[in-house]
Amino acid sequence: MALTVERLRTDVADCLGEAPADIPVDENLIDHGLDSVRIMTLLERWRREHAVTASFADLAERPVLKAWASLLGAV
């Protein structure tokens, strides 16, 4: 399965115990409860499943789904 914006959104929602529709694509995810441990958990999943090469710092610098999609090459 390809890495898509919706896959990112679903994974973040799962990590936060929320519905994907409740996770905005253009707002700071820290404001929605995402913390550094969860970012690392997501990053490790995406590295394993999608061969993502981004670093924790890359994701933490701009914790917004739109930014992550661009950084991670999500379609």
PDB file of N, CA and C in Angstrom:
ATOM      1  N   MET A   1       0.844  -1.184   0.000  1.00  0.00           N
ATOM      2  CA  MET A   1       0.000   0.000   0.000  1.00  0.00           C
ATOM      3  C   MET A   1       0.887   1.244   0.000  1.00  0.00           C
ATOM      4  N   ALA A   2       0.586   2.181  -0.882  1.00  0.00           N
ATOM      5  CA  ALA A   2       1.369   3.406  -0.995  1.00  0.00           C
ATOM      6  C   ALA A   2       1.115   4.331   0.197  1.00  0.00           C
ATOM      7  N   LEU A   3       2.111   5.133   0.477  1.00  0.00           N
ATOM      8  CA  LEU A   3       1.965   6.136   1.526  1.00  0.00           C
ATOM      9  C   LEU A   3       1.216   7.330   0.930  1.00  0.00           C
ATOM     10  N   THR A   4       0.061   7.620   1.491  1.00  0.00           N
ATOM     11  CA  THR A   4      -0.782   8.715   1.022  1.00  0.00           C
ATOM     12  C   THR A   4      -1.079   9.652   2.180  1.00  0.00           C
ATOM     13  N   VAL A   5      -1.618  10.807   1.865  1.00  0.00           N
ATOM     14  CA  VAL A   5      -2.025  11.743   2.912  1.00  0.00           C
ATOM     15  C   VAL A   5      -3.069  11.076   3.808  1.00  0.00           C
ATOM     16  N   GLU A   6      -3.986  10.336   3.217  1.00  0.00           N
ATOM     17  CA  GLU A   6      -5.015   9.664   4.021  1.00  0.00           C
ATOM     18  C   GLU A   6      -4.420   8.567   4.902  1.00  0.00           C
ATOM     19  N   ARG A   7      -3.380   7.879   4.415  1.00  0.00           N
ATOM     20  CA  ARG A   7      -2.704   6.869   5.240  1.00  0.00           C
ATOM     21  C   ARG A   7      -2.020   7.548   6.425  1.00  0.00           C
ATOM     22  N   LEU A   8      -1.359   8.686   6.165  1.00  0.00           N
ATOM     23  CA  LEU A   8      -0.734   9.449   7.248  1.00  0.00           C
ATOM     24  C   LEU A   8      -1.786   9.869   8.270  1.00  0.00           C
ATOM     25  N   ARG A   9      -2.882  10.387   7.780  1.00  0.00           N
ATOM     26  CA  ARG A   9      -3.968  10.856   8.653  1.00  0.00           C
ATOM     27  C   ARG A   9      -4.543   9.707   9.485  1.00  0.00           C
ATOM     28  N   THR A  10      -4.755   8.572   8.849  1.00  0.00           N
ATOM     29  CA  THR A  10      -5.283   7.405   9.552  1.00  0.00           C
ATOM     30  C   THR A  10      -4.308   6.916  10.616  1.00  0.00           C
ATOM     31  N   ASP A  11      -3.024   6.882  10.283  1.00  0.00           N
ATOM     32  CA  ASP A  11      -2.017   6.431  11.245  1.00  0.00           C
ATOM     33  C   ASP A  11      -1.921   7.382  12.435  1.00  0.00           C
ATOM     34  N   VAL A  12      -1.956   8.682  12.174  1.00  0.00           N
ATOM     35  CA  VAL A  12      -1.916   9.665  13.270  1.00  0.00           C
ATOM     36  C   VAL A  12      -3.159   9.521  14.130  1.00  0.00           C
ATOM     37  N   ALA A  13      -4.310   9.392  13.497  1.00  0.00           N
ATOM     38  CA  ALA A  13      -5.567   9.238  14.235  1.00  0.00           C
ATOM     39  C   ALA A  13      -5.524   7.992  15.116  1.00  0.00           C
ATOM     40  N   ASP A  14      -5.031   6.907  14.564  1.00  0.00           N
ATOM     41  CA  ASP A  14      -4.911   5.661  15.321  1.00  0.00           C
ATOM     42  C   ASP A  14      -4.002   5.856  16.535  1.00  0.00           C
ATOM     43  N   CYS A  15      -2.922   6.536  16.332  1.00  0.00           N
ATOM     44  CA  CYS A  15      -1.961   6.786  17.404  1.00  0.00           C
ATOM     45  C   CYS A  15      -2.576   7.647  18.519  1.00  0.00           C
ATOM     46  N   LEU A  16      -3.466   8.542  18.138  1.00  0.00           N
ATOM     47  CA  LEU A  16      -4.099   9.452  19.104  1.00  0.00           C
ATOM     48  C   LEU A  16      -5.445   8.944  19.622  1.00  0.00           C
ATOM     49  N   GLY A  17      -5.928   7.834  19.074  1.00  0.00           N
ATOM     50  CA  GLY A  17      -7.225   7.321  19.485  1.00  0.00           C
ATOM     51  C   GLY A  17      -8.376   8.189  19.009  1.00  0.00           C
ATOM     52  N   GLU A  18      -8.207   8.790  17.854  1.00  0.00           N
ATOM     53  CA  GLU A  18      -9.215   9.684  17.274  1.00  0.00           C
ATOM     54  C   GLU A  18      -9.710   9.119  15.943  1.00  0.00           C
ATOM     55  N   ALA A  19     -10.754   9.709  15.418  1.00  0.00           N
ATOM     56  CA  ALA A  19     -11.231   9.377  14.075  1.00  0.00           C
ATOM     57  C   ALA A  19     -10.380  10.143  13.058  1.00  0.00           C
ATOM     58  N   PRO A  20     -10.045   9.533  11.935  1.00  0.00           N
ATOM     59  CA  PRO A  20      -9.251  10.243  10.928  1.00  0.00           C
ATOM     60  C   PRO A  20      -9.842  11.595  10.527  1.00  0.00           C
ATOM     61  N   ALA A  21     -11.152  11.679  10.444  1.00  0.00           N
ATOM     62  CA  ALA A  21     -11.795  12.945  10.060  1.00  0.00           C
ATOM     63  C   ALA A  21     -11.529  14.064  11.064  1.00  0.00           C
ATOM     64  N   ASP A  22     -11.170  13.699  12.289  1.00  0.00           N
ATOM     65  CA  ASP A  22     -10.891  14.697  13.326  1.00  0.00           C
ATOM     66  C   ASP A  22      -9.460  15.216  13.289  1.00  0.00           C
ATOM     67  N   ILE A  23      -8.633  14.654  12.423  1.00  0.00           N
ATOM     68  CA  ILE A  23      -7.234  15.059  12.322  1.00  0.00           C
ATOM     69  C   ILE A  23      -7.085  15.999  11.130  1.00  0.00           C
ATOM     70  N   PRO A  24      -6.785  17.275  11.381  1.00  0.00           N
ATOM     71  CA  PRO A  24      -6.664  18.233  10.287  1.00  0.00           C
ATOM     72  C   PRO A  24      -5.367  18.029   9.504  1.00  0.00           C
ATOM     73  N   VAL A  25      -5.399  18.335   8.223  1.00  0.00           N
ATOM     74  CA  VAL A  25      -4.196  18.194   7.406  1.00  0.00           C
ATOM     75  C   VAL A  25      -3.334  19.449   7.424  1.00  0.00           C
ATOM     76  N   ASP A  26      -3.889  20.548   7.917  1.00  0.00           N
ATOM     77  CA  ASP A  26      -3.168  21.810   7.842  1.00  0.00           C
ATOM     78  C   ASP A  26      -2.984  22.515   9.188  1.00  0.00           C
ATOM     79  N   GLU A  27      -3.071  21.763  10.280  1.00  0.00           N
ATOM     80  CA  GLU A  27      -2.871  22.339  11.609  1.00  0.00           C
ATOM     81  C   GLU A  27      -1.777  21.594  12.348  1.00  0.00           C
ATOM     82  N   ASN A  28      -1.196  22.245  13.322  1.00  0.00           N
ATOM     83  CA  ASN A  28      -0.140  21.668  14.131  1.00  0.00           C
ATOM     84  C   ASN A  28      -0.675  20.469  14.913  1.00  0.00           C
ATOM     85  N   LEU A  29      -0.074  19.321  14.692  1.00  0.00           N
ATOM     86  CA  LEU A  29      -0.536  18.092  15.335  1.00  0.00           C
ATOM     87  C   LEU A  29      -0.218  18.054  16.834  1.00  0.00           C
ATOM     88  N   ILE A  30       0.740  18.827  17.263  1.00  0.00           N
ATOM     89  CA  ILE A  30       1.052  18.919  18.693  1.00  0.00           C
ATOM     90  C   ILE A  30      -0.168  19.456  19.436  1.00  0.00           C
ATOM     91  N   ASP A  31      -0.870  20.395  18.808  1.00  0.00           N
ATOM     92  CA  ASP A  31      -2.082  20.967  19.409  1.00  0.00           C
ATOM     93  C   ASP A  31      -3.204  19.931  19.526  1.00  0.00           C
ATOM     94  N   HIS A  32      -3.070  18.825  18.825  1.00  0.00           N
ATOM     95  CA  HIS A  32      -4.078  17.763  18.863  1.00  0.00           C
ATOM     96  C   HIS A  32      -3.632  16.583  19.712  1.00  0.00           C
ATOM     97  N   GLY A  33      -2.529  16.759  20.440  1.00  0.00           N
ATOM     98  CA  GLY A  33      -2.093  15.732  21.379  1.00  0.00           C
ATOM     99  C   GLY A  33      -0.919  14.874  20.941  1.00  0.00           C
ATOM    100  N   LEU A  34      -0.386  15.116  19.746  1.00  0.00           N
ATOM    101  CA  LEU A  34       0.761  14.338  19.298  1.00  0.00           C
ATOM    102  C   LEU A  34       2.002  14.794  20.069  1.00  0.00           C
ATOM    103  N   ASP A  35       2.752  13.845  20.583  1.00  0.00           N
ATOM    104  CA  ASP A  35       3.977  14.185  21.315  1.00  0.00           C
ATOM    105  C   ASP A  35       5.164  13.492  20.657  1.00  0.00           C
ATOM    106  N   SER A  36       6.356  13.716  21.196  1.00  0.00           N
ATOM    107  CA  SER A  36       7.575  13.196  20.576  1.00  0.00           C
ATOM    108  C   SER A  36       7.605  11.675  20.531  1.00  0.00           C
ATOM    109  N   VAL A  37       7.102  11.016  21.550  1.00  0.00           N
ATOM    110  CA  VAL A  37       7.089   9.553  21.564  1.00  0.00           C
ATOM    111  C   VAL A  37       6.203   9.027  20.440  1.00  0.00           C
ATOM    112  N   ARG A  38       5.065   9.649  20.260  1.00  0.00           N
ATOM    113  CA  ARG A  38       4.147   9.214  19.190  1.00  0.00           C
ATOM    114  C   ARG A  38       4.726   9.516  17.812  1.00  0.00           C
ATOM    115  N   ILE A  39       5.418  10.630  17.668  1.00  0.00           N
ATOM    116  CA  ILE A  39       6.063  10.931  16.387  1.00  0.00           C
ATOM    117  C   ILE A  39       7.085   9.840  16.064  1.00  0.00           C
ATOM    118  N   MET A  40       7.879   9.442  17.055  1.00  0.00           N
ATOM    119  CA  MET A  40       8.867   8.382  16.840  1.00  0.00           C
ATOM    120  C   MET A  40       8.184   7.064  16.482  1.00  0.00           C
ATOM    121  N   THR A  41       7.083   6.759  17.146  1.00  0.00           N
ATOM    122  CA  THR A  41       6.335   5.531  16.856  1.00  0.00           C
ATOM    123  C   THR A  41       5.849   5.534  15.406  1.00  0.00           C
ATOM    124  N   LEU A  42       5.278   6.652  14.984  1.00  0.00           N
ATOM    125  CA  LEU A  42       4.805   6.775  13.604  1.00  0.00           C
ATOM    126  C   LEU A  42       5.956   6.666  12.623  1.00  0.00           C
ATOM    127  N   LEU A  43       7.045   7.354  12.911  1.00  0.00           N
ATOM    128  CA  LEU A  43       8.197   7.345  12.018  1.00  0.00           C
ATOM    129  C   LEU A  43       8.747   5.931  11.864  1.00  0.00           C
ATOM    130  N   GLU A  44       8.859   5.201  12.940  1.00  0.00           N
ATOM    131  CA  GLU A  44       9.354   3.824  12.856  1.00  0.00           C
ATOM    132  C   GLU A  44       8.418   2.953  12.020  1.00  0.00           C
ATOM    133  N   ARG A  45       7.124   3.135  12.180  1.00  0.00           N
ATOM    134  CA  ARG A  45       6.149   2.385  11.367  1.00  0.00           C
ATOM    135  C   ARG A  45       6.340   2.703   9.893  1.00  0.00           C
ATOM    136  N   TRP A  46       6.448   3.993   9.583  1.00  0.00           N
ATOM    137  CA  TRP A  46       6.589   4.387   8.178  1.00  0.00           C
ATOM    138  C   TRP A  46       7.928   3.957   7.604  1.00  0.00           C
ATOM    139  N   ARG A  47       8.971   3.944   8.399  1.00  0.00           N
ATOM    140  CA  ARG A  47      10.261   3.432   7.925  1.00  0.00           C
ATOM    141  C   ARG A  47      10.143   1.951   7.588  1.00  0.00           C
ATOM    142  N   ARG A  48       9.502   1.217   8.442  1.00  0.00           N
ATOM    143  CA  ARG A  48       9.355  -0.234   8.271  1.00  0.00           C
ATOM    144  C   ARG A  48       8.442  -0.566   7.080  1.00  0.00           C
ATOM    145  N   GLU A  49       7.317   0.116   7.002  1.00  0.00           N
ATOM    146  CA  GLU A  49       6.313  -0.235   5.995  1.00  0.00           C
ATOM    147  C   GLU A  49       6.488   0.468   4.655  1.00  0.00           C
ATOM    148  N   HIS A  50       7.150   1.636   4.648  1.00  0.00           N
ATOM    149  CA  HIS A  50       7.209   2.439   3.421  1.00  0.00           C
ATOM    150  C   HIS A  50       8.611   2.922   3.077  1.00  0.00           C
ATOM    151  N   ALA A  51       9.619   2.420   3.787  1.00  0.00           N
ATOM    152  CA  ALA A  51      11.012   2.782   3.522  1.00  0.00           C
ATOM    153  C   ALA A  51      11.262   4.295   3.603  1.00  0.00           C
ATOM    154  N   VAL A  52      10.564   4.956   4.510  1.00  0.00           N
ATOM    155  CA  VAL A  52      10.751   6.391   4.728  1.00  0.00           C
ATOM    156  C   VAL A  52      12.145   6.625   5.288  1.00  0.00           C
ATOM    157  N   THR A  53      12.809   7.674   4.822  1.00  0.00           N
ATOM    158  CA  THR A  53      14.153   7.980   5.298  1.00  0.00           C
ATOM    159  C   THR A  53      14.231   9.275   6.097  1.00  0.00           C
ATOM    160  N   ALA A  54      13.121   9.922   6.321  1.00  0.00           N
ATOM    161  CA  ALA A  54      13.096  11.175   7.083  1.00  0.00           C
ATOM    162  C   ALA A  54      13.550  10.920   8.518  1.00  0.00           C
ATOM    163  N   SER A  55      14.027  11.981   9.151  1.00  0.00           N
ATOM    164  CA  SER A  55      14.455  11.878  10.548  1.00  0.00           C
ATOM    165  C   SER A  55      13.359  12.403  11.473  1.00  0.00           C
ATOM    166  N   PHE A  56      13.538  12.094  12.745  1.00  0.00           N
ATOM    167  CA  PHE A  56      12.628  12.631  13.757  1.00  0.00           C
ATOM    168  C   PHE A  56      12.615  14.154  13.689  1.00  0.00           C
ATOM    169  N   ALA A  57      13.789  14.759  13.577  1.00  0.00           N
ATOM    170  CA  ALA A  57      13.884  16.220  13.532  1.00  0.00           C
ATOM    171  C   ALA A  57      13.094  16.800  12.358  1.00  0.00           C
ATOM    172  N   ASP A  58      13.131  16.096  11.220  1.00  0.00           N
ATOM    173  CA  ASP A  58      12.368  16.555  10.048  1.00  0.00           C
ATOM    174  C   ASP A  58      10.883  16.657  10.375  1.00  0.00           C
ATOM    175  N   LEU A  59      10.353  15.628  11.030  1.00  0.00           N
ATOM    176  CA  LEU A  59       8.923  15.613  11.353  1.00  0.00           C
ATOM    177  C   LEU A  59       8.595  16.573  12.489  1.00  0.00           C
ATOM    178  N   ALA A  60       9.444  16.625  13.490  1.00  0.00           N
ATOM    179  CA  ALA A  60       9.190  17.480  14.655  1.00  0.00           C
ATOM    180  C   ALA A  60       9.263  18.960  14.304  1.00  0.00           C
ATOM    181  N   GLU A  61      10.054  19.297  13.305  1.00  0.00           N
ATOM    182  CA  GLU A  61      10.213  20.694  12.906  1.00  0.00           C
ATOM    183  C   GLU A  61       8.904  21.295  12.387  1.00  0.00           C
ATOM    184  N   ARG A  62       8.134  20.503  11.658  1.00  0.00           N
ATOM    185  CA  ARG A  62       6.838  20.957  11.116  1.00  0.00           C
ATOM    186  C   ARG A  62       5.813  19.859  11.295  1.00  0.00           C
ATOM    187  N   PRO A  63       5.204  19.747  12.478  1.00  0.00           N
ATOM    188  CA  PRO A  63       4.240  18.672  12.746  1.00  0.00           C
ATOM    189  C   PRO A  63       2.854  18.955  12.163  1.00  0.00           C
ATOM    190  N   VAL A  64       2.806  19.011  10.839  1.00  0.00           N
ATOM    191  CA  VAL A  64       1.573  19.280  10.089  1.00  0.00           C
ATOM    192  C   VAL A  64       1.480  18.222   8.988  1.00  0.00           C
ATOM    193  N   LEU A  65       0.335  17.588   8.838  1.00  0.00           N
ATOM    194  CA  LEU A  65       0.204  16.505   7.855  1.00  0.00           C
ATOM    195  C   LEU A  65       0.597  16.926   6.441  1.00  0.00           C
ATOM    196  N   LYS A  66       0.210  18.121   6.020  1.00  0.00           N
ATOM    197  CA  LYS A  66       0.565  18.573   4.672  1.00  0.00           C
ATOM    198  C   LYS A  66       2.078  18.628   4.501  1.00  0.00           C
ATOM    199  N   ALA A  67       2.769  19.122   5.510  1.00  0.00           N
ATOM    200  CA  ALA A  67       4.228  19.199   5.459  1.00  0.00           C
ATOM    201  C   ALA A  67       4.836  17.805   5.447  1.00  0.00           C
ATOM    202  N   TRP A  68       4.299  16.912   6.274  1.00  0.00           N
ATOM    203  CA  TRP A  68       4.808  15.542   6.317  1.00  0.00           C
ATOM    204  C   TRP A  68       4.580  14.841   4.979  1.00  0.00           C
ATOM    205  N   ALA A  69       3.422  15.044   4.387  1.00  0.00           N
ATOM    206  CA  ALA A  69       3.120  14.407   3.109  1.00  0.00           C
ATOM    207  C   ALA A  69       4.162  14.795   2.055  1.00  0.00           C
ATOM    208  N   SER A  70       4.483  16.067   2.014  1.00  0.00           N
ATOM    209  CA  SER A  70       5.488  16.548   1.070  1.00  0.00           C
ATOM    210  C   SER A  70       6.850  15.962   1.388  1.00  0.00           C
ATOM    211  N   LEU A  71       7.241  15.992   2.635  1.00  0.00           N
ATOM    212  CA  LEU A  71       8.532  15.480   3.083  1.00  0.00           C
ATOM    213  C   LEU A  71       8.675  13.977   2.820  1.00  0.00           C
ATOM    214  N   LEU A  72       7.602  13.237   3.047  1.00  0.00           N
ATOM    215  CA  LEU A  72       7.649  11.782   2.945  1.00  0.00           C
ATOM    216  C   LEU A  72       7.290  11.251   1.552  1.00  0.00           C
ATOM    217  N   GLY A  73       6.958  12.155   0.642  1.00  0.00           N
ATOM    218  CA  GLY A  73       6.624  11.745  -0.704  1.00  0.00           C
ATOM    219  C   GLY A  73       5.268  11.065  -0.826  1.00  0.00           C
ATOM    220  N   ALA A  74       4.371  11.395   0.083  1.00  0.00           N
ATOM    221  CA  ALA A  74       3.024  10.818   0.044  1.00  0.00           C
ATOM    222  C   ALA A  74       2.275  11.370  -1.162  1.00  0.00           C
ATOM    223  N   VAL A  75       1.477  10.524  -1.748  1.00  0.00           N
ATOM    224  CA  VAL A  75       0.725  10.924  -2.937  1.00  0.00           C
ATOM    225  C   VAL A  75      -0.722  11.217  -2.591  1.00  0.00           C
TER     226      VAL A  75
END
